[in-house]
Amino acid sequence: MTVSIPLVVLLGVVVLVAWRYLGLRLWQATVCLLFGFFLAATALGPDIRHLVDAALSWLTGS
């Protein structure tokens, strides 16, 4: 799966809104970022990638 720029921008906006309005602290966002980075390197990475790809395909109707 190729992550498109609009998906990255959308997720960035969600993090920015959470940081600004929901009280997300910078260290919490950093921990979440590192968790995602290291999770992608595990054996679950491809399964998560396929799940996100299937969800995006379902949402876009393709």
PDB file of N, CA and C in Angstrom:
ATOM      1  N   MET A   1       0.836  -1.171   0.000  1.00  0.00           N
ATOM      2  CA  MET A   1       0.000   0.000   0.000  1.00  0.00           C
ATOM      3  C   MET A   1       0.880   1.233   0.000  1.00  0.00           C
ATOM      4  N   THR A   2       0.559   2.174  -0.830  1.00  0.00           N
ATOM      5  CA  THR A   2       1.247   3.442  -0.855  1.00  0.00           C
ATOM      6  C   THR A   2       0.399   4.458  -0.115  1.00  0.00           C
ATOM      7  N   VAL A   3       0.970   5.041   0.912  1.00  0.00           N
ATOM      8  CA  VAL A   3       0.241   6.045   1.674  1.00  0.00           C
ATOM      9  C   VAL A   3       0.295   7.339   0.889  1.00  0.00           C
ATOM     10  N   SER A   4      -0.866   7.857   0.591  1.00  0.00           N
ATOM     11  CA  SER A   4      -0.916   9.073  -0.206  1.00  0.00           C
ATOM     12  C   SER A   4      -0.725  10.297   0.684  1.00  0.00           C
ATOM     13  N   ILE A   5      -0.322  11.374   0.072  1.00  0.00           N
ATOM     14  CA  ILE A   5      -0.105  12.620   0.796  1.00  0.00           C
ATOM     15  C   ILE A   5      -1.390  13.110   1.469  1.00  0.00           C
ATOM     16  N   PRO A   6      -2.576  13.042   0.809  1.00  0.00           N
ATOM     17  CA  PRO A   6      -3.787  13.509   1.509  1.00  0.00           C
ATOM     18  C   PRO A   6      -4.081  12.739   2.800  1.00  0.00           C
ATOM     19  N   LEU A   7      -3.790  11.450   2.840  1.00  0.00           N
ATOM     20  CA  LEU A   7      -4.011  10.683   4.068  1.00  0.00           C
ATOM     21  C   LEU A   7      -3.064  11.152   5.157  1.00  0.00           C
ATOM     22  N   VAL A   8      -1.826  11.402   4.802  1.00  0.00           N
ATOM     23  CA  VAL A   8      -0.852  11.893   5.779  1.00  0.00           C
ATOM     24  C   VAL A   8      -1.261  13.279   6.277  1.00  0.00           C
ATOM     25  N   VAL A   9      -1.723  14.123   5.372  1.00  0.00           N
ATOM     26  CA  VAL A   9      -2.169  15.464   5.765  1.00  0.00           C
ATOM     27  C   VAL A   9      -3.393  15.369   6.676  1.00  0.00           C
ATOM     28  N   LEU A  10      -4.336  14.497   6.350  1.00  0.00           N
ATOM     29  CA  LEU A  10      -5.529  14.325   7.184  1.00  0.00           C
ATOM     30  C   LEU A  10      -5.155  13.866   8.588  1.00  0.00           C
ATOM     31  N   LEU A  11      -4.268  12.899   8.690  1.00  0.00           N
ATOM     32  CA  LEU A  11      -3.839  12.426  10.005  1.00  0.00           C
ATOM     33  C   LEU A  11      -3.069  13.513  10.754  1.00  0.00           C
ATOM     34  N   GLY A  12      -2.301  14.302  10.030  1.00  0.00           N
ATOM     35  CA  GLY A  12      -1.602  15.428  10.654  1.00  0.00           C
ATOM     36  C   GLY A  12      -2.564  16.462  11.210  1.00  0.00           C
ATOM     37  N   VAL A  13      -3.636  16.721  10.486  1.00  0.00           N
ATOM     38  CA  VAL A  13      -4.654  17.665  10.962  1.00  0.00           C
ATOM     39  C   VAL A  13      -5.345  17.124  12.207  1.00  0.00           C
ATOM     40  N   VAL A  14      -5.619  15.826  12.229  1.00  0.00           N
ATOM     41  CA  VAL A  14      -6.240  15.213  13.412  1.00  0.00           C
ATOM     42  C   VAL A  14      -5.331  15.376  14.623  1.00  0.00           C
ATOM     43  N   VAL A  15      -4.039  15.147  14.451  1.00  0.00           N
ATOM     44  CA  VAL A  15      -3.093  15.306  15.559  1.00  0.00           C
ATOM     45  C   VAL A  15      -3.028  16.771  15.988  1.00  0.00           C
ATOM     46  N   LEU A  16      -3.009  17.691  15.030  1.00  0.00           N
ATOM     47  CA  LEU A  16      -2.957  19.118  15.361  1.00  0.00           C
ATOM     48  C   LEU A  16      -4.196  19.542  16.143  1.00  0.00           C
ATOM     49  N   VAL A  17      -5.366  19.091  15.727  1.00  0.00           N
ATOM     50  CA  VAL A  17      -6.606  19.419  16.446  1.00  0.00           C
ATOM     51  C   VAL A  17      -6.582  18.813  17.848  1.00  0.00           C
ATOM     52  N   ALA A  18      -6.115  17.571  17.961  1.00  0.00           N
ATOM     53  CA  ALA A  18      -6.033  16.936  19.283  1.00  0.00           C
ATOM     54  C   ALA A  18      -5.050  17.678  20.177  1.00  0.00           C
ATOM     55  N   TRP A  19      -3.965  18.134  19.597  1.00  0.00           N
ATOM     56  CA  TRP A  19      -2.963  18.857  20.376  1.00  0.00           C
ATOM     57  C   TRP A  19      -3.505  20.210  20.835  1.00  0.00           C
ATOM     58  N   ARG A  20      -4.181  20.887  19.932  1.00  0.00           N
ATOM     59  CA  ARG A  20      -4.633  22.248  20.232  1.00  0.00           C
ATOM     60  C   ARG A  20      -5.880  22.282  21.116  1.00  0.00           C
ATOM     61  N   TYR A  21      -6.846  21.403  20.835  1.00  0.00           N
ATOM     62  CA  TYR A  21      -8.144  21.512  21.506  1.00  0.00           C
ATOM     63  C   TYR A  21      -8.435  20.404  22.514  1.00  0.00           C
ATOM     64  N   LEU A  22      -7.778  19.284  22.421  1.00  0.00           N
ATOM     65  CA  LEU A  22      -8.068  18.175  23.337  1.00  0.00           C
ATOM     66  C   LEU A  22      -6.995  17.987  24.400  1.00  0.00           C
ATOM     67  N   GLY A  23      -6.005  18.861  24.397  1.00  0.00           N
ATOM     68  CA  GLY A  23      -4.993  18.803  25.442  1.00  0.00           C
ATOM     69  C   GLY A  23      -3.910  17.760  25.220  1.00  0.00           C
ATOM     70  N   LEU A  24      -3.714  17.332  23.991  1.00  0.00           N
ATOM     71  CA  LEU A  24      -2.639  16.386  23.707  1.00  0.00           C
ATOM     72  C   LEU A  24      -1.311  17.096  23.890  1.00  0.00           C
ATOM     73  N   ARG A  25      -0.451  16.520  24.684  1.00  0.00           N
ATOM     74  CA  ARG A  25       0.847  17.133  24.926  1.00  0.00           C
ATOM     75  C   ARG A  25       1.847  16.632  23.898  1.00  0.00           C
ATOM     76  N   LEU A  26       2.900  17.391  23.710  1.00  0.00           N
ATOM     77  CA  LEU A  26       3.907  17.053  22.716  1.00  0.00           C
ATOM     78  C   LEU A  26       4.545  15.707  23.009  1.00  0.00           C
ATOM     79  N   TRP A  27       4.826  15.402  24.272  1.00  0.00           N
ATOM     80  CA  TRP A  27       5.455  14.127  24.591  1.00  0.00           C
ATOM     81  C   TRP A  27       4.506  12.965  24.298  1.00  0.00           C
ATOM     82  N   GLN A  28       3.193  13.173  24.458  1.00  0.00           N
ATOM     83  CA  GLN A  28       2.228  12.119  24.155  1.00  0.00           C
ATOM     84  C   GLN A  28       2.165  11.862  22.656  1.00  0.00           C
ATOM     85  N   ALA A  29       2.195  12.926  21.864  1.00  0.00           N
ATOM     86  CA  ALA A  29       2.204  12.772  20.416  1.00  0.00           C
ATOM     87  C   ALA A  29       3.480  12.087  19.957  1.00  0.00           C
ATOM     88  N   THR A  30       4.600  12.404  20.594  1.00  0.00           N
ATOM     89  CA  THR A  30       5.882  11.774  20.251  1.00  0.00           C
ATOM     90  C   THR A  30       5.857  10.290  20.575  1.00  0.00           C
ATOM     91  N   VAL A  31       5.296   9.929  21.720  1.00  0.00           N
ATOM     92  CA  VAL A  31       5.186   8.514  22.089  1.00  0.00           C
ATOM     93  C   VAL A  31       4.308   7.773  21.084  1.00  0.00           C
ATOM     94  N   CYS A  32       3.193   8.367  20.670  1.00  0.00           N
ATOM     95  CA  CYS A  32       2.320   7.740  19.676  1.00  0.00           C
ATOM     96  C   CYS A  32       3.029   7.575  18.344  1.00  0.00           C
ATOM     97  N   LEU A  33       3.802   8.575  17.947  1.00  0.00           N
ATOM     98  CA  LEU A  33       4.564   8.499  16.706  1.00  0.00           C
ATOM     99  C   LEU A  33       5.590   7.367  16.756  1.00  0.00           C
ATOM    100  N   LEU A  34       6.320   7.285  17.843  1.00  0.00           N
ATOM    101  CA  LEU A  34       7.310   6.218  17.986  1.00  0.00           C
ATOM    102  C   LEU A  34       6.651   4.842  18.053  1.00  0.00           C
ATOM    103  N   PHE A  35       5.520   4.751  18.746  1.00  0.00           N
ATOM    104  CA  PHE A  35       4.797   3.492  18.812  1.00  0.00           C
ATOM    105  C   PHE A  35       4.389   3.022  17.418  1.00  0.00           C
ATOM    106  N   GLY A  36       3.842   3.924  16.617  1.00  0.00           N
ATOM    107  CA  GLY A  36       3.456   3.571  15.255  1.00  0.00           C
ATOM    108  C   GLY A  36       4.640   3.169  14.400  1.00  0.00           C
ATOM    109  N   PHE A  37       5.741   3.885  14.559  1.00  0.00           N
ATOM    110  CA  PHE A  37       6.949   3.577  13.798  1.00  0.00           C
ATOM    111  C   PHE A  37       7.467   2.177  14.133  1.00  0.00           C
ATOM    112  N   PHE A  38       7.570   1.865  15.412  1.00  0.00           N
ATOM    113  CA  PHE A  38       8.075   0.559  15.816  1.00  0.00           C
ATOM    114  C   PHE A  38       7.057  -0.555  15.570  1.00  0.00           C
ATOM    115  N   LEU A  39       5.776  -0.261  15.663  1.00  0.00           N
ATOM    116  CA  LEU A  39       4.748  -1.250  15.366  1.00  0.00           C
ATOM    117  C   LEU A  39       4.798  -1.657  13.898  1.00  0.00           C
ATOM    118  N   ALA A  40       5.088  -0.702  13.032  1.00  0.00           N
ATOM    119  CA  ALA A  40       5.173  -1.005  11.599  1.00  0.00           C
ATOM    120  C   ALA A  40       6.323  -1.958  11.293  1.00  0.00           C
ATOM    121  N   ALA A  41       7.338  -1.984  12.143  1.00  0.00           N
ATOM    122  CA  ALA A  41       8.493  -2.846  11.920  1.00  0.00           C
ATOM    123  C   ALA A  41       8.288  -4.266  12.468  1.00  0.00           C
ATOM    124  N   THR A  42       7.170  -4.518  13.146  1.00  0.00           N
ATOM    125  CA  THR A  42       6.922  -5.845  13.692  1.00  0.00           C
ATOM    126  C   THR A  42       6.237  -6.725  12.652  1.00  0.00           C
ATOM    127  N   ALA A  43       5.941  -7.942  13.041  1.00  0.00           N
ATOM    128  CA  ALA A  43       5.255  -8.878  12.151  1.00  0.00           C
ATOM    129  C   ALA A  43       3.809  -8.444  11.881  1.00  0.00           C
ATOM    130  N   LEU A  44       3.264  -7.588  12.722  1.00  0.00           N
ATOM    131  CA  LEU A  44       1.903  -7.098  12.525  1.00  0.00           C
ATOM    132  C   LEU A  44       1.827  -5.978  11.494  1.00  0.00           C
ATOM    133  N   GLY A  45       2.956  -5.406  11.115  1.00  0.00           N
ATOM    134  CA  GLY A  45       2.981  -4.298  10.167  1.00  0.00           C
ATOM    135  C   GLY A  45       2.238  -4.572   8.870  1.00  0.00           C
ATOM    136  N   PRO A  46       2.535  -5.676   8.174  1.00  0.00           N
ATOM    137  CA  PRO A  46       1.810  -5.959   6.927  1.00  0.00           C
ATOM    138  C   PRO A  46       0.306  -6.172   7.128  1.00  0.00           C
ATOM    139  N   ASP A  47      -0.073  -6.796   8.223  1.00  0.00           N
ATOM    140  CA  ASP A  47      -1.505  -7.005   8.495  1.00  0.00           C
ATOM    141  C   ASP A  47      -2.217  -5.674   8.722  1.00  0.00           C
ATOM    142  N   ILE A  48      -1.588  -4.779   9.456  1.00  0.00           N
ATOM    143  CA  ILE A  48      -2.168  -3.467   9.692  1.00  0.00           C
ATOM    144  C   ILE A  48      -2.262  -2.699   8.381  1.00  0.00           C
ATOM    145  N   ARG A  49      -1.231  -2.811   7.564  1.00  0.00           N
ATOM    146  CA  ARG A  49      -1.226  -2.138   6.263  1.00  0.00           C
ATOM    147  C   ARG A  49      -2.368  -2.644   5.387  1.00  0.00           C
ATOM    148  N   HIS A  50      -2.593  -3.973   5.383  1.00  0.00           N
ATOM    149  CA  HIS A  50      -3.691  -4.548   4.596  1.00  0.00           C
ATOM    150  C   HIS A  50      -5.050  -4.110   5.147  1.00  0.00           C
ATOM    151  N   LEU A  51      -5.167  -4.018   6.456  1.00  0.00           N
ATOM    152  CA  LEU A  51      -6.416  -3.575   7.072  1.00  0.00           C
ATOM    153  C   LEU A  51      -6.729  -2.126   6.694  1.00  0.00           C
ATOM    154  N   VAL A  52      -5.718  -1.262   6.756  1.00  0.00           N
ATOM    155  CA  VAL A  52      -5.923   0.142   6.375  1.00  0.00           C
ATOM    156  C   VAL A  52      -6.248   0.244   4.889  1.00  0.00           C
ATOM    157  N   ASP A  53      -5.568  -0.539   4.071  1.00  0.00           N
ATOM    158  CA  ASP A  53      -5.835  -0.535   2.635  1.00  0.00           C
ATOM    159  C   ASP A  53      -7.261  -0.988   2.334  1.00  0.00           C
ATOM    160  N   ALA A  54      -7.718  -2.037   3.022  1.00  0.00           N
ATOM    161  CA  ALA A  54      -9.084  -2.527   2.817  1.00  0.00           C
ATOM    162  C   ALA A  54     -10.112  -1.492   3.280  1.00  0.00           C
ATOM    163  N   ALA A  55      -9.844  -0.846   4.399  1.00  0.00           N
ATOM    164  CA  ALA A  55     -10.777   0.171   4.892  1.00  0.00           C
ATOM    165  C   ALA A  55     -10.854   1.348   3.936  1.00  0.00           C
ATOM    166  N   LEU A  56      -9.709   1.771   3.415  1.00  0.00           N
ATOM    167  CA  LEU A  56      -9.704   2.887   2.469  1.00  0.00           C
ATOM    168  C   LEU A  56     -10.386   2.502   1.160  1.00  0.00           C
ATOM    169  N   SER A  57     -10.199   1.277   0.714  1.00  0.00           N
ATOM    170  CA  SER A  57     -10.872   0.815  -0.494  1.00  0.00           C
ATOM    171  C   SER A  57     -12.376   0.773  -0.284  1.00  0.00           C
ATOM    172  N   TRP A  58     -12.810   0.335   0.883  1.00  0.00           N
ATOM    173  CA  TRP A  58     -14.231   0.290   1.196  1.00  0.00           C
ATOM    174  C   TRP A  58     -14.828   1.694   1.256  1.00  0.00           C
ATOM    175  N   LEU A  59     -14.094   2.620   1.879  1.00  0.00           N
ATOM    176  CA  LEU A  59     -14.588   3.985   2.001  1.00  0.00           C
ATOM    177  C   LEU A  59     -14.656   4.705   0.664  1.00  0.00           C
ATOM    178  N   THR A  60     -13.690   4.454  -0.193  1.00  0.00           N
ATOM    179  CA  THR A  60     -13.678   5.139  -1.497  1.00  0.00           C
ATOM    180  C   THR A  60     -14.505   4.421  -2.545  1.00  0.00           C
ATOM    181  N   GLY A  61     -14.887   3.192  -2.253  1.00  0.00           N
ATOM    182  CA  GLY A  61     -15.727   2.450  -3.193  1.00  0.00           C
ATOM    183  C   GLY A  61     -14.970   1.849  -4.345  1.00  0.00           C
ATOM    184  N   SER A  62     -13.658   1.707  -4.216  1.00  0.00           N
ATOM    185  CA  SER A  62     -12.885   1.111  -5.328  1.00  0.00           C
ATOM    186  C   SER A  62     -12.350  -0.240  -4.963  1.00  0.00           C
TER     187      SER A  62
END
